Amino acid sequence: MTFPRIPDAASASGNLLGDALDDALPPGESLTESEVEAILLFLRRGPYPYGGQHRVLVLGSHDEPFVYRLYTLLDRLNREPMTHAFLQITQPDIDLPARLPETAIKFHLLAGVADEIGLVLEHNEGGALPEADRLARTRLLGKSHIFLRNHGSHSELPSEPATDSEELAMLALAAAYDCGSESELRDRVRHLVADATVSGVTTGEVMDWLAEELGGKGPVSISGVITDDFDVLAHHQRLHHWWFAEDLYARARAELL
């Protein structure tokens, strides 16, 4: 396949509003003067006024427990000097009529003012799939990163049997992404626990940990629909894998700041 080229600084510095509307509006759609004023008001009220700061748009699932990791990541980033990390969901609404795609317009405006964009991707549900596709576009590719939770098809797994609790957790997570049903997942975890050289751990404890870690969504999957987007981002070294929350925070800090 042909990969998009990351634009240089000169070509990426075009008109923010024009670029955002080109990407967000349906073909042939135009705005009235009052609608343009509403969008400009949104920009004045949003993160745009934070001149001189490094602006980071953080995207991801807003379900529990995934949103907890987003807010923790936000907190870690905002501890850094001259950094303003923000979520799209916390930004003000735009007063637009129903015919206009407000969510898409808001996304592209915020993406335009951001210096870096990070999408934390752990499952298929919610707005992650269209956001991943938008980040892989040429205009946003140069500032975009996807932080994809590790699963067997995209990462090296520790050898079985597990020799410690961390390896067991990694193998169990990979199973949660690989199995097609809860019964299959429980059987896989049962074998992992039985084979592991880790004492005092039961199948029920591992399943409870998975349920807490994945918000009860296990078995969970990452859609093949966005495989091409992963390929594009990986080609440009903008696809990053992580196992546990602290891995995510450390990798995101390294890539987004």
C-alpha atoms as a PDB file:
ATOM      1  CA  MET A   1       0.000   0.000   0.000  1.00  0.00           C
ATOM      2  CA  THR A   2       1.033   3.653  -0.387  1.00  0.00           C
ATOM      3  CA  PHE A   3       1.582   5.367   2.943  1.00  0.00           C
ATOM      4  CA  PRO A   4       0.658   9.031   3.424  1.00  0.00           C
ATOM      5  CA  ARG A   5       3.609  11.387   3.729  1.00  0.00           C
ATOM      6  CA  ILE A   6       3.960  13.349   6.963  1.00  0.00           C
ATOM      7  CA  PRO A   7       3.633  17.002   5.917  1.00  0.00           C
ATOM      8  CA  ASP A   8       6.433  19.411   6.733  1.00  0.00           C
ATOM      9  CA  ALA A   9       5.919  22.411   8.997  1.00  0.00           C
ATOM     10  CA  ALA A  10       5.227  24.814   6.147  1.00  0.00           C
ATOM     11  CA  SER A  11       2.508  22.721   4.533  1.00  0.00           C
ATOM     12  CA  ALA A  12       0.990  21.848   7.929  1.00  0.00           C
ATOM     13  CA  SER A  13       0.551  25.470   8.969  1.00  0.00           C
ATOM     14  CA  GLY A  14      -2.416  26.238   6.754  1.00  0.00           C
ATOM     15  CA  ASN A  15      -5.609  27.932   7.845  1.00  0.00           C
ATOM     16  CA  LEU A  16      -6.922  26.093  10.903  1.00  0.00           C
ATOM     17  CA  LEU A  17     -10.585  26.786  10.346  1.00  0.00           C
ATOM     18  CA  GLY A  18     -10.437  26.067   6.623  1.00  0.00           C
ATOM     19  CA  ASP A  19      -8.563  22.793   7.107  1.00  0.00           C
ATOM     20  CA  ALA A  20     -10.917  21.641   9.872  1.00  0.00           C
ATOM     21  CA  LEU A  21     -14.031  22.379   7.833  1.00  0.00           C
ATOM     22  CA  ASP A  22     -12.584  20.753   4.707  1.00  0.00           C
ATOM     23  CA  ASP A  23     -12.118  17.559   6.728  1.00  0.00           C
ATOM     24  CA  ALA A  24     -15.365  17.697   8.723  1.00  0.00           C
ATOM     25  CA  LEU A  25     -18.085  19.024   6.431  1.00  0.00           C
ATOM     26  CA  PRO A  26     -19.973  16.852   3.925  1.00  0.00           C
ATOM     27  CA  PRO A  27     -19.184  17.682   0.273  1.00  0.00           C
ATOM     28  CA  GLY A  28     -21.035  20.762  -0.903  1.00  0.00           C
ATOM     29  CA  GLU A  29     -22.029  21.870   2.609  1.00  0.00           C
ATOM     30  CA  SER A  30     -21.432  25.523   3.475  1.00  0.00           C
ATOM     31  CA  LEU A  31     -21.767  27.634   6.613  1.00  0.00           C
ATOM     32  CA  THR A  32     -23.721  30.783   7.304  1.00  0.00           C
ATOM     33  CA  GLU A  33     -22.026  33.788   8.851  1.00  0.00           C
ATOM     34  CA  SER A  34     -23.608  33.056  12.251  1.00  0.00           C
ATOM     35  CA  GLU A  35     -22.353  29.454  12.129  1.00  0.00           C
ATOM     36  CA  VAL A  36     -18.807  30.618  11.424  1.00  0.00           C
ATOM     37  CA  GLU A  37     -19.113  33.033  14.368  1.00  0.00           C
ATOM     38  CA  ALA A  38     -20.228  30.161  16.617  1.00  0.00           C
ATOM     39  CA  ILE A  39     -17.169  28.140  15.612  1.00  0.00           C
ATOM     40  CA  LEU A  40     -14.827  31.078  16.218  1.00  0.00           C
ATOM     41  CA  LEU A  41     -16.413  31.574  19.649  1.00  0.00           C
ATOM     42  CA  PHE A  42     -15.728  27.898  20.410  1.00  0.00           C
ATOM     43  CA  LEU A  43     -12.063  28.381  19.515  1.00  0.00           C
ATOM     44  CA  ARG A  44     -11.802  31.396  21.803  1.00  0.00           C
ATOM     45  CA  ARG A  45     -13.377  29.441  24.693  1.00  0.00           C
ATOM     46  CA  GLY A  46     -11.415  26.229  24.138  1.00  0.00           C
ATOM     47  CA  PRO A  47      -7.717  25.398  24.525  1.00  0.00           C
ATOM     48  CA  TYR A  48      -6.620  27.792  21.764  1.00  0.00           C
ATOM     49  CA  PRO A  49      -5.937  30.786  24.091  1.00  0.00           C
ATOM     50  CA  TYR A  50      -3.175  28.876  25.923  1.00  0.00           C
ATOM     51  CA  GLY A  51      -0.441  30.490  23.850  1.00  0.00           C
ATOM     52  CA  GLY A  52       3.106  29.308  24.509  1.00  0.00           C
ATOM     53  CA  GLN A  53       1.976  26.019  26.018  1.00  0.00           C
ATOM     54  CA  HIS A  54       2.466  22.582  24.501  1.00  0.00           C
ATOM     55  CA  ARG A  55      -1.111  21.458  23.759  1.00  0.00           C
ATOM     56  CA  VAL A  56      -1.933  17.738  23.798  1.00  0.00           C
ATOM     57  CA  LEU A  57      -5.335  16.351  22.745  1.00  0.00           C
ATOM     58  CA  VAL A  58      -5.965  13.025  24.525  1.00  0.00           C
ATOM     59  CA  LEU A  59      -8.563  10.639  23.070  1.00  0.00           C
ATOM     60  CA  GLY A  60      -9.930   7.278  24.173  1.00  0.00           C
ATOM     61  CA  SER A  61     -12.833   5.409  25.732  1.00  0.00           C
ATOM     62  CA  HIS A  62     -14.896   7.253  28.326  1.00  0.00           C
ATOM     63  CA  ASP A  63     -16.277   4.053  29.858  1.00  0.00           C
ATOM     64  CA  GLU A  64     -14.957   2.750  33.174  1.00  0.00           C
ATOM     65  CA  PRO A  65     -12.187   1.788  33.840  1.00  0.00           C
ATOM     66  CA  PHE A  66     -10.696   3.088  30.603  1.00  0.00           C
ATOM     67  CA  VAL A  67     -11.616   6.705  31.340  1.00  0.00           C
ATOM     68  CA  TYR A  68      -9.746   6.449  34.646  1.00  0.00           C
ATOM     69  CA  ARG A  69      -6.562   5.745  32.689  1.00  0.00           C
ATOM     70  CA  LEU A  70      -7.316   8.721  30.415  1.00  0.00           C
ATOM     71  CA  TYR A  71      -7.702  11.101  33.358  1.00  0.00           C
ATOM     72  CA  THR A  72      -4.594   9.719  35.039  1.00  0.00           C
ATOM     73  CA  LEU A  73      -2.651  10.203  31.806  1.00  0.00           C
ATOM     74  CA  LEU A  74      -4.043  13.739  31.566  1.00  0.00           C
ATOM     75  CA  ASP A  75      -2.908  14.450  35.127  1.00  0.00           C
ATOM     76  CA  ARG A  76       0.594  13.087  34.457  1.00  0.00           C
ATOM     77  CA  LEU A  77       0.983  15.199  31.322  1.00  0.00           C
ATOM     78  CA  ASN A  78      -0.313  18.362  32.981  1.00  0.00           C
ATOM     79  CA  ARG A  79       2.296  18.082  35.709  1.00  0.00           C
ATOM     80  CA  GLU A  80       4.906  18.965  33.104  1.00  0.00           C
ATOM     81  CA  PRO A  81       5.882  22.657  32.770  1.00  0.00           C
ATOM     82  CA  MET A  82       4.196  24.576  29.950  1.00  0.00           C
ATOM     83  CA  THR A  83       1.957  21.643  29.009  1.00  0.00           C
ATOM     84  CA  HIS A  84      -1.819  21.766  28.566  1.00  0.00           C
ATOM     85  CA  ALA A  85      -3.358  18.323  27.989  1.00  0.00           C
ATOM     86  CA  PHE A  86      -7.109  18.151  27.440  1.00  0.00           C
ATOM     87  CA  LEU A  87      -9.969  15.848  26.441  1.00  0.00           C
ATOM     88  CA  GLN A  88     -12.452  16.561  23.674  1.00  0.00           C
ATOM     89  CA  ILE A  89     -15.394  15.628  25.900  1.00  0.00           C
ATOM     90  CA  THR A  90     -14.623  18.411  28.411  1.00  0.00           C
ATOM     91  CA  GLN A  91     -14.580  21.174  25.791  1.00  0.00           C
ATOM     92  CA  PRO A  92     -17.612  23.453  25.359  1.00  0.00           C
ATOM     93  CA  ASP A  93     -20.323  22.680  22.821  1.00  0.00           C
ATOM     94  CA  ILE A  94     -20.620  24.535  19.526  1.00  0.00           C
ATOM     95  CA  ASP A  95     -23.987  26.140  18.835  1.00  0.00           C
ATOM     96  CA  LEU A  96     -24.634  24.564  15.432  1.00  0.00           C
ATOM     97  CA  PRO A  97     -27.802  23.333  13.694  1.00  0.00           C
ATOM     98  CA  ALA A  98     -28.531  19.611  13.450  1.00  0.00           C
ATOM     99  CA  ARG A  99     -27.559  19.458   9.765  1.00  0.00           C
ATOM    100  CA  LEU A 100     -23.884  20.034  10.660  1.00  0.00           C
ATOM    101  CA  PRO A 101     -21.668  17.282  12.173  1.00  0.00           C
ATOM    102  CA  GLU A 102     -20.757  19.085  15.399  1.00  0.00           C
ATOM    103  CA  THR A 103     -18.676  16.220  16.806  1.00  0.00           C
ATOM    104  CA  ALA A 104     -16.540  15.971  13.671  1.00  0.00           C
ATOM    105  CA  ILE A 105     -16.117  19.742  13.461  1.00  0.00           C
ATOM    106  CA  LYS A 106     -15.115  19.916  17.119  1.00  0.00           C
ATOM    107  CA  PHE A 107     -12.643  17.063  16.678  1.00  0.00           C
ATOM    108  CA  HIS A 108     -10.896  18.656  13.708  1.00  0.00           C
ATOM    109  CA  LEU A 109     -10.757  22.084  15.349  1.00  0.00           C
ATOM    110  CA  LEU A 110      -9.224  20.659  18.525  1.00  0.00           C
ATOM    111  CA  ALA A 111      -6.864  18.468  16.521  1.00  0.00           C
ATOM    112  CA  GLY A 112      -5.805  21.563  14.611  1.00  0.00           C
ATOM    113  CA  VAL A 113      -4.861  23.568  17.723  1.00  0.00           C
ATOM    114  CA  ALA A 114      -3.105  20.603  19.365  1.00  0.00           C
ATOM    115  CA  ASP A 115       0.644  20.181  19.051  1.00  0.00           C
ATOM    116  CA  GLU A 116       0.325  16.417  19.626  1.00  0.00           C
ATOM    117  CA  ILE A 117      -2.627  13.996  19.623  1.00  0.00           C
ATOM    118  CA  GLY A 118      -2.714  10.719  21.535  1.00  0.00           C
ATOM    119  CA  LEU A 119      -5.419   8.059  21.155  1.00  0.00           C
ATOM    120  CA  VAL A 120      -5.462   5.336  23.821  1.00  0.00           C
ATOM    121  CA  LEU A 121      -7.079   2.315  22.192  1.00  0.00           C
ATOM    122  CA  GLU A 122      -8.170  -0.736  24.184  1.00  0.00           C
ATOM    123  CA  HIS A 123     -11.373  -1.986  22.501  1.00  0.00           C
ATOM    124  CA  ASN A 124     -13.767  -1.506  19.582  1.00  0.00           C
ATOM    125  CA  GLU A 125     -16.604   0.343  21.245  1.00  0.00           C
ATOM    126  CA  GLY A 126     -17.325   4.070  21.186  1.00  0.00           C
ATOM    127  CA  GLY A 127     -15.712   6.633  18.927  1.00  0.00           C
ATOM    128  CA  ALA A 128     -12.239   5.090  18.753  1.00  0.00           C
ATOM    129  CA  LEU A 129     -12.607   3.593  15.270  1.00  0.00           C
ATOM    130  CA  PRO A 130     -13.445   6.810  13.378  1.00  0.00           C
ATOM    131  CA  GLU A 131     -10.881   8.699  15.474  1.00  0.00           C
ATOM    132  CA  ALA A 132      -8.172   6.205  14.492  1.00  0.00           C
ATOM    133  CA  ASP A 133      -9.085   6.702  10.840  1.00  0.00           C
ATOM    134  CA  ARG A 134      -8.967  10.479  11.195  1.00  0.00           C
ATOM    135  CA  LEU A 135      -5.526  10.351  12.831  1.00  0.00           C
ATOM    136  CA  ALA A 136      -4.142   8.329   9.945  1.00  0.00           C
ATOM    137  CA  ARG A 137      -5.016  11.083   7.474  1.00  0.00           C
ATOM    138  CA  THR A 138      -2.077  13.014   6.077  1.00  0.00           C
ATOM    139  CA  ARG A 139      -3.063  16.322   7.670  1.00  0.00           C
ATOM    140  CA  LEU A 140      -3.053  14.904  11.224  1.00  0.00           C
ATOM    141  CA  LEU A 141      -0.535  12.115  10.825  1.00  0.00           C
ATOM    142  CA  GLY A 142       2.461  14.288  11.680  1.00  0.00           C
ATOM    143  CA  LYS A 143       1.154  14.988  15.196  1.00  0.00           C
ATOM    144  CA  SER A 144      -0.745  11.758  15.919  1.00  0.00           C
ATOM    145  CA  HIS A 145       0.039   8.717  18.054  1.00  0.00           C
ATOM    146  CA  ILE A 146      -2.034   5.633  18.855  1.00  0.00           C
ATOM    147  CA  PHE A 147      -1.277   3.829  22.107  1.00  0.00           C
ATOM    148  CA  LEU A 148      -2.648   0.351  21.447  1.00  0.00           C
ATOM    149  CA  ARG A 149      -3.048  -2.085  24.297  1.00  0.00           C
ATOM    150  CA  ASN A 150      -0.910  -5.131  23.665  1.00  0.00           C
ATOM    151  CA  HIS A 151      -2.526  -8.314  22.471  1.00  0.00           C
ATOM    152  CA  GLY A 152      -1.086 -11.448  20.972  1.00  0.00           C
ATOM    153  CA  SER A 153      -1.301 -10.546  17.304  1.00  0.00           C
ATOM    154  CA  HIS A 154       0.627  -7.302  17.745  1.00  0.00           C
ATOM    155  CA  SER A 155       3.278  -8.089  20.325  1.00  0.00           C
ATOM    156  CA  GLU A 156       5.724 -10.619  21.609  1.00  0.00           C
ATOM    157  CA  LEU A 157       4.253 -12.680  24.410  1.00  0.00           C
ATOM    158  CA  PRO A 158       6.268 -14.213  27.228  1.00  0.00           C
ATOM    159  CA  SER A 159       6.920 -17.909  26.892  1.00  0.00           C
ATOM    160  CA  GLU A 160       4.490 -20.295  28.490  1.00  0.00           C
ATOM    161  CA  PRO A 161       4.359 -21.350  31.227  1.00  0.00           C
ATOM    162  CA  ALA A 162       4.408 -18.051  33.089  1.00  0.00           C
ATOM    163  CA  THR A 163       7.201 -17.792  35.632  1.00  0.00           C
ATOM    164  CA  ASP A 164       5.849 -14.828  37.591  1.00  0.00           C
ATOM    165  CA  SER A 165       2.604 -12.912  38.140  1.00  0.00           C
ATOM    166  CA  GLU A 166       3.422 -10.257  35.524  1.00  0.00           C
ATOM    167  CA  GLU A 167       3.938 -12.837  32.795  1.00  0.00           C
ATOM    168  CA  LEU A 168       0.708 -14.554  33.844  1.00  0.00           C
ATOM    169  CA  ALA A 169      -1.155 -11.227  33.611  1.00  0.00           C
ATOM    170  CA  MET A 170       0.297 -10.585  30.127  1.00  0.00           C
ATOM    171  CA  LEU A 171      -0.733 -14.029  28.900  1.00  0.00           C
ATOM    172  CA  ALA A 172      -4.212 -13.598  30.395  1.00  0.00           C
ATOM    173  CA  LEU A 173      -4.626 -10.219  28.671  1.00  0.00           C
ATOM    174  CA  ALA A 174      -3.579 -11.726  25.347  1.00  0.00           C
ATOM    175  CA  ALA A 175      -6.134 -14.490  25.878  1.00  0.00           C
ATOM    176  CA  ALA A 176      -8.842 -11.889  26.566  1.00  0.00           C
ATOM    177  CA  TYR A 177      -8.181 -10.366  23.136  1.00  0.00           C
ATOM    178  CA  ASP A 178      -7.889 -13.724  21.380  1.00  0.00           C
ATOM    179  CA  CYS A 179     -10.801 -15.782  22.718  1.00  0.00           C
ATOM    180  CA  GLY A 180     -14.243 -15.625  21.170  1.00  0.00           C
ATOM    181  CA  SER A 181     -16.354 -16.315  24.260  1.00  0.00           C
ATOM    182  CA  GLU A 182     -16.195 -16.057  28.036  1.00  0.00           C
ATOM    183  CA  SER A 183     -16.186 -19.850  28.407  1.00  0.00           C
ATOM    184  CA  GLU A 184     -13.243 -20.138  26.001  1.00  0.00           C
ATOM    185  CA  LEU A 185     -11.432 -17.392  27.911  1.00  0.00           C
ATOM    186  CA  ARG A 186     -12.019 -19.105  31.256  1.00  0.00           C
ATOM    187  CA  ASP A 187     -10.703 -22.397  29.855  1.00  0.00           C
ATOM    188  CA  ARG A 188      -7.604 -20.637  28.494  1.00  0.00           C
ATOM    189  CA  VAL A 189      -6.971 -18.899  31.814  1.00  0.00           C
ATOM    190  CA  ARG A 190      -7.459 -22.179  33.679  1.00  0.00           C
ATOM    191  CA  HIS A 191      -4.695 -23.766  31.614  1.00  0.00           C
ATOM    192  CA  LEU A 192      -2.427 -20.744  32.046  1.00  0.00           C
ATOM    193  CA  VAL A 193      -2.839 -20.848  35.820  1.00  0.00           C
ATOM    194  CA  ALA A 194      -2.361 -24.621  35.989  1.00  0.00           C
ATOM    195  CA  ASP A 195       0.848 -24.472  33.933  1.00  0.00           C
ATOM    196  CA  ALA A 196       2.346 -21.399  35.585  1.00  0.00           C
ATOM    197  CA  THR A 197       5.098 -21.674  38.150  1.00  0.00           C
ATOM    198  CA  VAL A 198       3.300 -19.072  40.260  1.00  0.00           C
ATOM    199  CA  SER A 199       1.921 -20.188  43.607  1.00  0.00           C
ATOM    200  CA  GLY A 200      -1.259 -19.007  45.306  1.00  0.00           C
ATOM    201  CA  VAL A 201      -3.066 -17.723  42.181  1.00  0.00           C
ATOM    202  CA  THR A 202      -6.446 -19.130  41.155  1.00  0.00           C
ATOM    203  CA  THR A 203      -8.388 -19.023  37.900  1.00  0.00           C
ATOM    204  CA  GLY A 204     -11.101 -16.990  39.615  1.00  0.00           C
ATOM    205  CA  GLU A 205      -8.611 -14.348  40.769  1.00  0.00           C
ATOM    206  CA  VAL A 206      -7.203 -13.929  37.260  1.00  0.00           C
ATOM    207  CA  MET A 207     -10.706 -13.712  35.762  1.00  0.00           C
ATOM    208  CA  ASP A 208     -11.691 -11.115  38.376  1.00  0.00           C
ATOM    209  CA  TRP A 209      -8.588  -9.095  37.553  1.00  0.00           C
ATOM    210  CA  LEU A 210      -9.394  -9.212  33.827  1.00  0.00           C
ATOM    211  CA  ALA A 211     -12.978  -8.115  34.483  1.00  0.00           C
ATOM    212  CA  GLU A 212     -11.740  -5.152  36.513  1.00  0.00           C
ATOM    213  CA  GLU A 213      -8.975  -4.260  34.058  1.00  0.00           C
ATOM    214  CA  LEU A 214     -11.229  -4.477  30.976  1.00  0.00           C
ATOM    215  CA  GLY A 215     -14.437  -3.155  32.481  1.00  0.00           C
ATOM    216  CA  GLY A 216     -16.222  -6.481  32.053  1.00  0.00           C
ATOM    217  CA  LYS A 217     -15.728  -6.332  28.273  1.00  0.00           C
ATOM    218  CA  GLY A 218     -13.606  -9.484  28.074  1.00  0.00           C
ATOM    219  CA  PRO A 219     -13.352 -11.221  25.737  1.00  0.00           C
ATOM    220  CA  VAL A 220     -12.527  -8.005  23.929  1.00  0.00           C
ATOM    221  CA  SER A 221     -11.356  -7.359  20.382  1.00  0.00           C
ATOM    222  CA  ILE A 222      -9.689  -4.782  18.166  1.00  0.00           C
ATOM    223  CA  SER A 223     -11.472  -4.461  14.833  1.00  0.00           C
ATOM    224  CA  GLY A 224      -9.730  -5.507  11.642  1.00  0.00           C
ATOM    225  CA  VAL A 225     -11.419  -2.486  10.039  1.00  0.00           C
ATOM    226  CA  ILE A 226      -8.601  -0.268  11.329  1.00  0.00           C
ATOM    227  CA  THR A 227      -5.703  -2.601  10.492  1.00  0.00           C
ATOM    228  CA  ASP A 228      -4.709  -0.335   7.600  1.00  0.00           C
ATOM    229  CA  ASP A 229      -4.671   2.646   9.965  1.00  0.00           C
ATOM    230  CA  PHE A 230      -2.347   0.719  12.295  1.00  0.00           C
ATOM    231  CA  ASP A 231      -0.072  -0.063   9.342  1.00  0.00           C
ATOM    232  CA  VAL A 232       0.135   3.601   8.373  1.00  0.00           C
ATOM    233  CA  LEU A 233       0.907   4.745  11.918  1.00  0.00           C
ATOM    234  CA  ALA A 234       3.396   1.923  12.497  1.00  0.00           C
ATOM    235  CA  HIS A 235       5.175   2.834   9.250  1.00  0.00           C
ATOM    236  CA  HIS A 236       5.734   6.322  10.646  1.00  0.00           C
ATOM    237  CA  GLN A 237       6.684   5.050  14.151  1.00  0.00           C
ATOM    238  CA  ARG A 238       3.451   6.424  15.604  1.00  0.00           C
ATOM    239  CA  LEU A 239       1.879   3.180  16.824  1.00  0.00           C
ATOM    240  CA  HIS A 240       2.948   2.328  20.374  1.00  0.00           C
ATOM    241  CA  HIS A 241       2.111  -0.794  22.405  1.00  0.00           C
ATOM    242  CA  TRP A 242       1.641  -1.108  26.153  1.00  0.00           C
ATOM    243  CA  TRP A 243       0.692  -3.801  28.644  1.00  0.00           C
ATOM    244  CA  PHE A 244      -0.168  -2.066  31.912  1.00  0.00           C
ATOM    245  CA  ALA A 245      -1.156   1.461  32.964  1.00  0.00           C
ATOM    246  CA  GLU A 246       2.323   2.549  34.051  1.00  0.00           C
ATOM    247  CA  ASP A 247       3.679   1.408  30.676  1.00  0.00           C
ATOM    248  CA  LEU A 248       1.063   3.599  28.996  1.00  0.00           C
ATOM    249  CA  TYR A 249       1.874   6.675  31.065  1.00  0.00           C
ATOM    250  CA  ALA A 250       5.625   6.365  30.504  1.00  0.00           C
ATOM    251  CA  ARG A 251       5.324   5.770  26.758  1.00  0.00           C
ATOM    252  CA  ALA A 252       2.790   8.570  26.275  1.00  0.00           C
ATOM    253  CA  ARG A 253       4.971  11.016  28.181  1.00  0.00           C
ATOM    254  CA  ALA A 254       7.943  10.106  25.979  1.00  0.00           C
ATOM    255  CA  GLU A 255       6.000  10.477  22.722  1.00  0.00           C
ATOM    256  CA  LEU A 256       3.647  13.400  23.419  1.00  0.00           C
ATOM    257  CA  LEU A 257       5.922  15.855  25.212  1.00  0.00           C
END
